[in-house]
C-alpha atoms as a PDB file:
ATOM      1  CA  UNK A   1      51.327  11.331  43.500  1.00  0.00           C
ATOM      2  CA  UNK A   2      47.808  10.371  44.436  1.00  0.00           C
ATOM      3  CA  UNK A   3      46.700   8.192  47.332  1.00  0.00           C
ATOM      4  CA  UNK A   4      46.563   5.080  45.138  1.00  0.00           C
ATOM      5  CA  UNK A   5      50.228   5.591  44.170  1.00  0.00           C
ATOM      6  CA  UNK A   6      51.364   6.116  47.759  1.00  0.00           C
ATOM      7  CA  UNK A   7      50.018   2.801  48.992  1.00  0.00           C
ATOM      8  CA  UNK A   8      52.188   0.997  46.430  1.00  0.00           C
ATOM      9  CA  UNK A   9      55.289   2.231  48.222  1.00  0.00           C
ATOM     10  CA  UNK A  10      54.311   1.127  51.721  1.00  0.00           C
ATOM     11  CA  UNK A  11      55.871  -1.766  53.625  1.00  0.00           C
ATOM     12  CA  UNK A  12      53.209  -4.317  54.589  1.00  0.00           C
ATOM     13  CA  UNK A  13      55.006  -4.988  57.894  1.00  0.00           C
ATOM     14  CA  UNK A  14      55.239  -1.459  59.318  1.00  0.00           C
ATOM     15  CA  UNK A  15      52.625   0.063  56.941  1.00  0.00           C
ATOM     16  CA  UNK A  16      54.864   3.096  56.449  1.00  0.00           C
ATOM     17  CA  UNK A  17      56.793   4.341  53.423  1.00  0.00           C
ATOM     18  CA  UNK A  18      59.544   1.889  52.514  1.00  0.00           C
ATOM     19  CA  UNK A  19      62.921   2.566  54.137  1.00  0.00           C
ATOM     20  CA  UNK A  20      65.931   1.019  52.376  1.00  0.00           C
ATOM     21  CA  UNK A  21      63.527  -1.077  50.263  1.00  0.00           C
ATOM     22  CA  UNK A  22      64.499  -4.624  49.343  1.00  0.00           C
ATOM     23  CA  UNK A  23      62.636  -7.019  47.045  1.00  0.00           C
ATOM     24  CA  UNK A  24      62.624 -10.700  47.999  1.00  0.00           C
ATOM     25  CA  UNK A  25      62.442 -13.619  45.474  1.00  0.00           C
ATOM     26  CA  UNK A  26      58.636 -13.785  45.419  1.00  0.00           C
ATOM     27  CA  UNK A  27      58.493 -10.158  44.232  1.00  0.00           C
ATOM     28  CA  UNK A  28      57.208  -8.443  47.388  1.00  0.00           C
ATOM     29  CA  UNK A  29      59.120  -5.475  48.815  1.00  0.00           C
ATOM     30  CA  UNK A  30      59.810  -4.487  52.440  1.00  0.00           C
ATOM     31  CA  UNK A  31      61.919  -2.175  54.539  1.00  0.00           C
ATOM     32  CA  UNK A  32      65.262  -3.916  54.975  1.00  0.00           C
ATOM     33  CA  UNK A  33      65.043  -3.804  58.766  1.00  0.00           C
ATOM     34  CA  UNK A  34      61.424  -5.025  58.792  1.00  0.00           C
ATOM     35  CA  UNK A  35      62.107  -8.177  56.776  1.00  0.00           C
ATOM     36  CA  UNK A  36      65.377  -8.801  58.645  1.00  0.00           C
ATOM     37  CA  UNK A  37      63.548  -8.702  61.988  1.00  0.00           C
ATOM     38  CA  UNK A  38      60.808 -10.928  60.625  1.00  0.00           C
ATOM     39  CA  UNK A  39      63.292 -13.530  59.409  1.00  0.00           C
ATOM     40  CA  UNK A  40      65.357 -13.315  62.594  1.00  0.00           C
ATOM     41  CA  UNK A  41      62.314 -14.711  64.412  1.00  0.00           C
ATOM     42  CA  UNK A  42      62.195 -17.618  61.942  1.00  0.00           C
ATOM     43  CA  UNK A  43      65.903 -18.381  62.225  1.00  0.00           C
ATOM     44  CA  UNK A  44      65.417 -21.441  64.451  1.00  0.00           C
ATOM     45  CA  UNK A  45      63.101 -23.139  61.936  1.00  0.00           C
ATOM     46  CA  UNK A  46      65.508 -22.471  59.057  1.00  0.00           C
ATOM     47  CA  UNK A  47      62.492 -21.740  56.865  1.00  0.00           C
ATOM     48  CA  UNK A  48      61.971 -18.130  55.837  1.00  0.00           C
ATOM     49  CA  UNK A  49      58.609 -16.903  54.601  1.00  0.00           C
ATOM     50  CA  UNK A  50      57.104 -13.858  52.922  1.00  0.00           C
ATOM     51  CA  UNK A  51      54.791 -11.982  55.343  1.00  0.00           C
ATOM     52  CA  UNK A  52      52.350 -11.336  52.486  1.00  0.00           C
ATOM     53  CA  UNK A  53      52.087 -14.427  50.279  1.00  0.00           C
ATOM     54  CA  UNK A  54      53.636 -16.860  52.824  1.00  0.00           C
ATOM     55  CA  UNK A  55      55.921 -18.365  50.181  1.00  0.00           C
ATOM     56  CA  UNK A  56      58.791 -20.097  51.970  1.00  0.00           C
ATOM     57  CA  UNK A  57      62.521 -20.204  51.241  1.00  0.00           C
ATOM     58  CA  UNK A  58      64.733 -22.943  52.673  1.00  0.00           C
ATOM     59  CA  UNK A  59      67.795 -20.725  52.365  1.00  0.00           C
ATOM     60  CA  UNK A  60      67.651 -17.202  53.752  1.00  0.00           C
ATOM     61  CA  UNK A  61      67.611 -14.877  50.721  1.00  0.00           C
ATOM     62  CA  UNK A  62      70.394 -12.324  50.441  1.00  0.00           C
ATOM     63  CA  UNK A  63      68.918  -8.854  50.764  1.00  0.00           C
ATOM     64  CA  UNK A  64      70.062  -6.123  48.430  1.00  0.00           C
ATOM     65  CA  UNK A  65      68.690  -2.607  48.325  1.00  0.00           C
ATOM     66  CA  UNK A  66      66.299  -1.979  45.439  1.00  0.00           C
ATOM     67  CA  UNK A  67      67.798   1.315  44.234  1.00  0.00           C
ATOM     68  CA  UNK A  68      65.074   2.033  41.677  1.00  0.00           C
ATOM     69  CA  UNK A  69      62.329   1.599  44.279  1.00  0.00           C
ATOM     70  CA  UNK A  70      64.359   3.650  46.764  1.00  0.00           C
ATOM     71  CA  UNK A  71      64.587   6.528  44.263  1.00  0.00           C
ATOM     72  CA  UNK A  72      60.831   6.402  43.677  1.00  0.00           C
ATOM     73  CA  UNK A  73      60.172   6.560  47.426  1.00  0.00           C
ATOM     74  CA  UNK A  74      62.490   9.544  47.733  1.00  0.00           C
ATOM     75  CA  UNK A  75      60.583  11.279  44.947  1.00  0.00           C
ATOM     76  CA  UNK A  76      57.383  10.614  46.848  1.00  0.00           C
ATOM     77  CA  UNK A  77      58.851  12.130  50.008  1.00  0.00           C
ATOM     78  CA  UNK A  78      59.789  15.276  48.118  1.00  0.00           C
ATOM     79  CA  UNK A  79      56.122  15.924  47.378  1.00  0.00           C
ATOM     80  CA  UNK A  80      55.684  16.549  51.099  1.00  0.00           C
ATOM     81  CA  UNK A  81      53.031  13.830  51.323  1.00  0.00           C
ATOM     82  CA  UNK A  82      53.066  11.043  53.853  1.00  0.00           C
ATOM     83  CA  UNK A  83      51.825   7.551  53.191  1.00  0.00           C
ATOM     84  CA  UNK A  84      48.374   7.192  54.705  1.00  0.00           C
ATOM     85  CA  UNK A  85      45.797   4.436  54.529  1.00  0.00           C
ATOM     86  CA  UNK A  86      42.983   4.803  52.046  1.00  0.00           C
ATOM     87  CA  UNK A  87      39.586   5.679  53.521  1.00  0.00           C
ATOM     88  CA  UNK A  88      38.298   2.151  52.992  1.00  0.00           C
ATOM     89  CA  UNK A  89      40.987   0.925  55.428  1.00  0.00           C
ATOM     90  CA  UNK A  90      39.438   2.833  58.313  1.00  0.00           C
ATOM     91  CA  UNK A  91      36.800   1.191  60.496  1.00  0.00           C
ATOM     92  CA  UNK A  92      33.201   2.206  59.928  1.00  0.00           C
ATOM     93  CA  UNK A  93      30.193   1.748  62.259  1.00  0.00           C
ATOM     94  CA  UNK A  94      29.664  -1.853  61.094  1.00  0.00           C
ATOM     95  CA  UNK A  95      33.348  -2.825  61.156  1.00  0.00           C
ATOM     96  CA  UNK A  96      35.482  -4.260  63.941  1.00  0.00           C
ATOM     97  CA  UNK A  97      38.018  -1.562  64.844  1.00  0.00           C
ATOM     98  CA  UNK A  98      41.616  -2.075  65.921  1.00  0.00           C
ATOM     99  CA  UNK A  99      41.815  -1.725  69.703  1.00  0.00           C
ATOM    100  CA  UNK A 100      45.392  -0.432  69.578  1.00  0.00           C
ATOM    101  CA  UNK A 101      45.055   2.400  67.045  1.00  0.00           C
ATOM    102  CA  UNK A 102      44.971   5.872  68.547  1.00  0.00           C
ATOM    103  CA  UNK A 103      42.703   8.499  66.999  1.00  0.00           C
ATOM    104  CA  UNK A 104      40.914   7.324  63.869  1.00  0.00           C
ATOM    105  CA  UNK A 105      40.969   3.555  64.068  1.00  0.00           C
ATOM    106  CA  UNK A 106      41.821   1.133  61.293  1.00  0.00           C
ATOM    107  CA  UNK A 107      39.748  -1.945  60.453  1.00  0.00           C
ATOM    108  CA  UNK A 108      40.761  -4.989  62.470  1.00  0.00           C
ATOM    109  CA  UNK A 109      42.522  -7.690  60.467  1.00  0.00           C
ATOM    110  CA  UNK A 110      42.421 -10.380  63.184  1.00  0.00           C
ATOM    111  CA  UNK A 111      41.194 -10.782  66.755  1.00  0.00           C
ATOM    112  CA  UNK A 112      43.254 -12.623  69.389  1.00  0.00           C
ATOM    113  CA  UNK A 113      41.371 -14.924  71.773  1.00  0.00           C
ATOM    114  CA  UNK A 114      44.249 -14.837  74.243  1.00  0.00           C
ATOM    115  CA  UNK A 115      44.777 -11.077  74.333  1.00  0.00           C
ATOM    116  CA  UNK A 116      41.037 -10.441  73.832  1.00  0.00           C
ATOM    117  CA  UNK A 117      42.098  -7.674  71.474  1.00  0.00           C
ATOM    118  CA  UNK A 118      41.458  -6.909  67.812  1.00  0.00           C
ATOM    119  CA  UNK A 119      44.378  -5.744  65.670  1.00  0.00           C
ATOM    120  CA  UNK A 120      44.836  -4.021  62.320  1.00  0.00           C
ATOM    121  CA  UNK A 121      47.548  -5.413  60.023  1.00  0.00           C
ATOM    122  CA  UNK A 122      50.177  -3.055  61.396  1.00  0.00           C
ATOM    123  CA  UNK A 123      49.581  -3.811  65.067  1.00  0.00           C
ATOM    124  CA  UNK A 124      49.171  -7.534  64.395  1.00  0.00           C
ATOM    125  CA  UNK A 125      52.753  -7.916  63.174  1.00  0.00           C
ATOM    126  CA  UNK A 126      54.103  -8.612  66.672  1.00  0.00           C
ATOM    127  CA  UNK A 127      51.960 -11.762  66.755  1.00  0.00           C
ATOM    128  CA  UNK A 128      53.877 -12.967  63.697  1.00  0.00           C
ATOM    129  CA  UNK A 129      57.378 -12.095  64.915  1.00  0.00           C
ATOM    130  CA  UNK A 130      57.327 -12.427  68.727  1.00  0.00           C
ATOM    131  CA  UNK A 131      57.847 -16.053  69.766  1.00  0.00           C
ATOM    132  CA  UNK A 132      55.559 -15.813  72.819  1.00  0.00           C
ATOM    133  CA  UNK A 133      52.736 -14.360  70.703  1.00  0.00           C
ATOM    134  CA  UNK A 134      52.932 -16.817  67.803  1.00  0.00           C
ATOM    135  CA  UNK A 135      51.082 -19.423  69.885  1.00  0.00           C
ATOM    136  CA  UNK A 136      48.078 -17.142  70.403  1.00  0.00           C
ATOM    137  CA  UNK A 137      44.805 -18.091  68.733  1.00  0.00           C
ATOM    138  CA  UNK A 138      43.961 -15.597  65.978  1.00  0.00           C
ATOM    139  CA  UNK A 139      40.447 -15.540  64.520  1.00  0.00           C
ATOM    140  CA  UNK A 140      38.363 -13.431  62.155  1.00  0.00           C
ATOM    141  CA  UNK A 141      37.691  -9.948  63.594  1.00  0.00           C
ATOM    142  CA  UNK A 142      34.937 -10.116  66.197  1.00  0.00           C
ATOM    143  CA  UNK A 143      33.127  -7.581  68.362  1.00  0.00           C
ATOM    144  CA  UNK A 144      32.125 -10.329  70.778  1.00  0.00           C
ATOM    145  CA  UNK A 145      35.500 -11.558  72.025  1.00  0.00           C
ATOM    146  CA  UNK A 146      34.316 -11.526  75.645  1.00  0.00           C
ATOM    147  CA  UNK A 147      31.721 -14.151  74.743  1.00  0.00           C
ATOM    148  CA  UNK A 148      34.605 -16.588  74.224  1.00  0.00           C
ATOM    149  CA  UNK A 149      35.723 -16.201  77.842  1.00  0.00           C
ATOM    150  CA  UNK A 150      34.275 -18.254  80.697  1.00  0.00           C
ATOM    151  CA  UNK A 151      32.705 -15.829  83.161  1.00  0.00           C
ATOM    152  CA  UNK A 152      33.395 -18.210  86.049  1.00  0.00           C
ATOM    153  CA  UNK A 153      37.042 -19.094  85.451  1.00  0.00           C
ATOM    154  CA  UNK A 154      38.104 -16.218  83.160  1.00  0.00           C
ATOM    155  CA  UNK A 155      39.518 -18.746  80.686  1.00  0.00           C
ATOM    156  CA  UNK A 156      39.059 -19.096  76.932  1.00  0.00           C
ATOM    157  CA  UNK A 157      36.220 -21.535  76.223  1.00  0.00           C
ATOM    158  CA  UNK A 158      37.983 -24.119  74.079  1.00  0.00           C
ATOM    159  CA  UNK A 159      35.615 -26.984  74.996  1.00  0.00           C
ATOM    160  CA  UNK A 160      32.012 -27.783  74.180  1.00  0.00           C
ATOM    161  CA  UNK A 161      29.624 -29.719  76.433  1.00  0.00           C
ATOM    162  CA  UNK A 162      27.263 -31.766  74.282  1.00  0.00           C
ATOM    163  CA  UNK A 163      25.274 -32.791  77.345  1.00  0.00           C
ATOM    164  CA  UNK A 164      24.343 -29.189  78.156  1.00  0.00           C
ATOM    165  CA  UNK A 165      24.860 -27.830  74.628  1.00  0.00           C
ATOM    166  CA  UNK A 166      27.141 -24.981  75.662  1.00  0.00           C
ATOM    167  CA  UNK A 167      30.718 -23.773  75.289  1.00  0.00           C
ATOM    168  CA  UNK A 168      32.914 -24.259  78.352  1.00  0.00           C
ATOM    169  CA  UNK A 169      36.527 -23.843  79.393  1.00  0.00           C
ATOM    170  CA  UNK A 170      38.855 -26.672  80.428  1.00  0.00           C
ATOM    171  CA  UNK A 171      38.282 -25.984  84.146  1.00  0.00           C
ATOM    172  CA  UNK A 172      34.523 -26.324  83.610  1.00  0.00           C
ATOM    173  CA  UNK A 173      35.065 -29.751  82.022  1.00  0.00           C
ATOM    174  CA  UNK A 174      36.711 -31.062  85.216  1.00  0.00           C
ATOM    175  CA  UNK A 175      34.382 -29.202  87.553  1.00  0.00           C
ATOM    176  CA  UNK A 176      30.613 -28.757  87.108  1.00  0.00           C
ATOM    177  CA  UNK A 177      30.639 -30.532  83.732  1.00  0.00           C
ATOM    178  CA  UNK A 178      32.660 -33.502  84.944  1.00  0.00           C
ATOM    179  CA  UNK A 179      31.361 -36.762  83.453  1.00  0.00           C
ATOM    180  CA  UNK A 180      29.508 -34.942  80.688  1.00  0.00           C
ATOM    181  CA  UNK A 181      30.006 -35.598  76.992  1.00  0.00           C
ATOM    182  CA  UNK A 182      32.616 -32.934  76.229  1.00  0.00           C
ATOM    183  CA  UNK A 183      34.743 -32.357  73.142  1.00  0.00           C
ATOM    184  CA  UNK A 184      37.040 -29.619  71.913  1.00  0.00           C
ATOM    185  CA  UNK A 185      35.332 -26.582  70.414  1.00  0.00           C
ATOM    186  CA  UNK A 186      37.187 -27.272  67.157  1.00  0.00           C
ATOM    187  CA  UNK A 187      35.845 -30.852  67.026  1.00  0.00           C
ATOM    188  CA  UNK A 188      32.289 -29.647  67.685  1.00  0.00           C
ATOM    189  CA  UNK A 189      32.627 -26.971  65.021  1.00  0.00           C
ATOM    190  CA  UNK A 190      33.894 -29.557  62.525  1.00  0.00           C
ATOM    191  CA  UNK A 191      31.024 -31.909  63.372  1.00  0.00           C
ATOM    192  CA  UNK A 192      28.419 -29.177  62.993  1.00  0.00           C
ATOM    193  CA  UNK A 193      29.915 -28.081  59.706  1.00  0.00           C
ATOM    194  CA  UNK A 194      29.699 -31.695  58.530  1.00  0.00           C
ATOM    195  CA  UNK A 195      26.046 -31.889  59.625  1.00  0.00           C
ATOM    196  CA  UNK A 196      25.305 -28.587  57.900  1.00  0.00           C
ATOM    197  CA  UNK A 197      26.930 -29.881  54.727  1.00  0.00           C
ATOM    198  CA  UNK A 198      24.833 -33.082  54.866  1.00  0.00           C
ATOM    199  CA  UNK A 199      21.715 -30.978  55.474  1.00  0.00           C
ATOM    200  CA  UNK A 200      22.651 -28.692  52.586  1.00  0.00           C
ATOM    201  CA  UNK A 201      23.118 -31.674  50.277  1.00  0.00           C
ATOM    202  CA  UNK A 202      19.756 -33.134  51.358  1.00  0.00           C
ATOM    203  CA  UNK A 203      18.010 -29.831  50.706  1.00  0.00           C
ATOM    204  CA  UNK A 204      19.750 -29.543  47.347  1.00  0.00           C
ATOM    205  CA  UNK A 205      18.615 -33.068  46.465  1.00  0.00           C
ATOM    206  CA  UNK A 206      15.022 -32.246  47.437  1.00  0.00           C
ATOM    207  CA  UNK A 207      15.143 -29.125  45.296  1.00  0.00           C
ATOM    208  CA  UNK A 208      16.420 -31.159  42.354  1.00  0.00           C
ATOM    209  CA  UNK A 209      13.660 -33.753  42.910  1.00  0.00           C
ATOM    210  CA  UNK A 210      11.035 -30.989  42.984  1.00  0.00           C
ATOM    211  CA  UNK A 211      12.463 -29.507  39.806  1.00  0.00           C
ATOM    212  CA  UNK A 212      12.172 -32.919  38.129  1.00  0.00           C
ATOM    213  CA  UNK A 213       8.547 -33.223  39.344  1.00  0.00           C
ATOM    214  CA  UNK A 214       7.748 -29.767  38.012  1.00  0.00           C
ATOM    215  CA  UNK A 215       9.361 -30.642  34.679  1.00  0.00           C
ATOM    216  CA  UNK A 216       7.300 -33.841  34.442  1.00  0.00           C
ATOM    217  CA  UNK A 217       4.115 -31.912  35.266  1.00  0.00           C
ATOM    218  CA  UNK A 218       4.953 -29.350  32.619  1.00  0.00           C
ATOM    219  CA  UNK A 219       5.462 -32.158  30.093  1.00  0.00           C
ATOM    220  CA  UNK A 220       2.116 -33.706  31.102  1.00  0.00           C
ATOM    221  CA  UNK A 221       0.362 -30.351  30.806  1.00  0.00           C
ATOM    222  CA  UNK A 222       1.906 -29.859  27.368  1.00  0.00           C
ATOM    223  CA  UNK A 223       0.799 -33.361  26.308  1.00  0.00           C
ATOM    224  CA  UNK A 224      -2.764 -32.716  27.569  1.00  0.00           C
ATOM    225  CA  UNK A 225      -2.816 -29.385  25.754  1.00  0.00           C
ATOM    226  CA  UNK A 226      -1.692 -31.011  22.514  1.00  0.00           C
ATOM    227  CA  UNK A 227      -4.299 -33.767  22.953  1.00  0.00           C
ATOM    228  CA  UNK A 228      -6.994 -31.158  23.619  1.00  0.00           C
ATOM    229  CA  UNK A 229      -5.964 -29.189  20.521  1.00  0.00           C
ATOM    230  CA  UNK A 230      -6.102 -32.362  18.425  1.00  0.00           C
ATOM    231  CA  UNK A 231      -9.547 -33.242  19.876  1.00  0.00           C
ATOM    232  CA  UNK A 232     -10.866 -29.763  19.076  1.00  0.00           C
ATOM    233  CA  UNK A 233      -9.418 -30.036  15.581  1.00  0.00           C
ATOM    234  CA  UNK A 234     -11.029 -33.447  15.100  1.00  0.00           C
ATOM    235  CA  UNK A 235     -14.382 -32.218  16.453  1.00  0.00           C
ATOM    236  CA  UNK A 236     -14.340 -29.228  14.144  1.00  0.00           C
ATOM    237  CA  UNK A 237     -13.701 -31.553  11.189  1.00  0.00           C
ATOM    238  CA  UNK A 238     -16.606 -33.833  12.237  1.00  0.00           C
ATOM    239  CA  UNK A 239     -18.986 -30.864  12.575  1.00  0.00           C
ATOM    240  CA  UNK A 240     -17.812 -29.485   9.223  1.00  0.00           C
ATOM    241  CA  UNK A 241     -18.376 -32.851   7.513  1.00  0.00           C
ATOM    242  CA  UNK A 242     -21.780 -33.203   9.216  1.00  0.00           C
ATOM    243  CA  UNK A 243     -22.759 -29.710   8.104  1.00  0.00           C
ATOM    244  CA  UNK A 244     -21.892 -30.434   4.482  1.00  0.00           C
ATOM    245  CA  UNK A 245     -23.667 -33.797   4.668  1.00  0.00           C
ATOM    246  CA  UNK A 246     -26.905 -32.211   5.993  1.00  0.00           C
ATOM    247  CA  UNK A 247     -26.606 -29.374   3.513  1.00  0.00           C
ATOM    248  CA  UNK A 248     -26.298 -31.895   0.655  1.00  0.00           C
ATOM    249  CA  UNK A 249     -29.361 -33.852   1.837  1.00  0.00           C
ATOM    250  CA  UNK A 250     -31.457 -30.712   2.139  1.00  0.00           C
ATOM    251  CA  UNK A 251     -30.392 -29.654  -1.349  1.00  0.00           C
ATOM    252  CA  UNK A 252     -31.282 -33.079  -2.814  1.00  0.00           C
ATOM    253  CA  UNK A 253     -34.706 -33.085  -1.102  1.00  0.00           C
ATOM    254  CA  UNK A 254     -35.430 -29.625  -2.377  1.00  0.00           C
ATOM    255  CA  UNK A 255     -34.480 -30.634  -5.913  1.00  0.00           C
ATOM    256  CA  UNK A 256     -36.731 -33.739  -5.723  1.00  0.00           C
ATOM    257  CA  UNK A 257     -39.706 -31.691  -4.577  1.00  0.00           C
ATOM    258  CA  UNK A 258     -39.180 -29.222  -7.375  1.00  0.00           C
ATOM    259  CA  UNK A 259     -39.132 -32.069  -9.880  1.00  0.00           C
ATOM    260  CA  UNK A 260     -42.517 -33.346  -8.623  1.00  0.00           C
ATOM    261  CA  UNK A 261     -44.091 -29.929  -9.163  1.00  0.00           C
ATOM    262  CA  UNK A 262     -42.914 -29.932 -12.714  1.00  0.00           C
END
């Protein structure tokens, strides 16, 4: 089987070939132990979700081995090949690499602001199943995680000081920034996104107004052109009529003079 086929038989939790594969109601398949462990962590909430599509089930689905899928995986194993990520899954020079991978590193799927570590999908799974890690703040992969940490207090900068226009941590807000206009980083981000959206709409409106002005100018130019064409046409007709009029007069005068000679 080729690389494309192999990836279809991998568990999205452990990223390895499926072991005792089971298929849950939403259609996604996992190793039996992987999905059991995942749901064990959700037992208290009594809501069970799919790690891939996040569809939830109020009753814990009964897991039964998918024998057909199991047979296909066994056939794959007999080829002597091991499931391995496709090349596009590995981190390149411009990508954020997983900090946990050993050897050739995978692309990071998320970065954790608490751990200050970037994780690929495989190594991120503990943040989904371990209760103490579920509260961690996960963000888009970033190479600049340290920039989110206050150099003075070594805390995540979750606040923003509008007075000094800089990100700060909670300890900064009660220390050197005490009395300043401070808000949560999330609130500041939301406000700036709102301002950017208003600015975008204003720019879009100006563009539309300019397009209308250009259209009106084009219509005026077309009207002037048509008027000019009509004027030229009219002038040509006047000159043609004048020419024939003069020509007729000259002919009549010539005829009269000839008559006198006779």
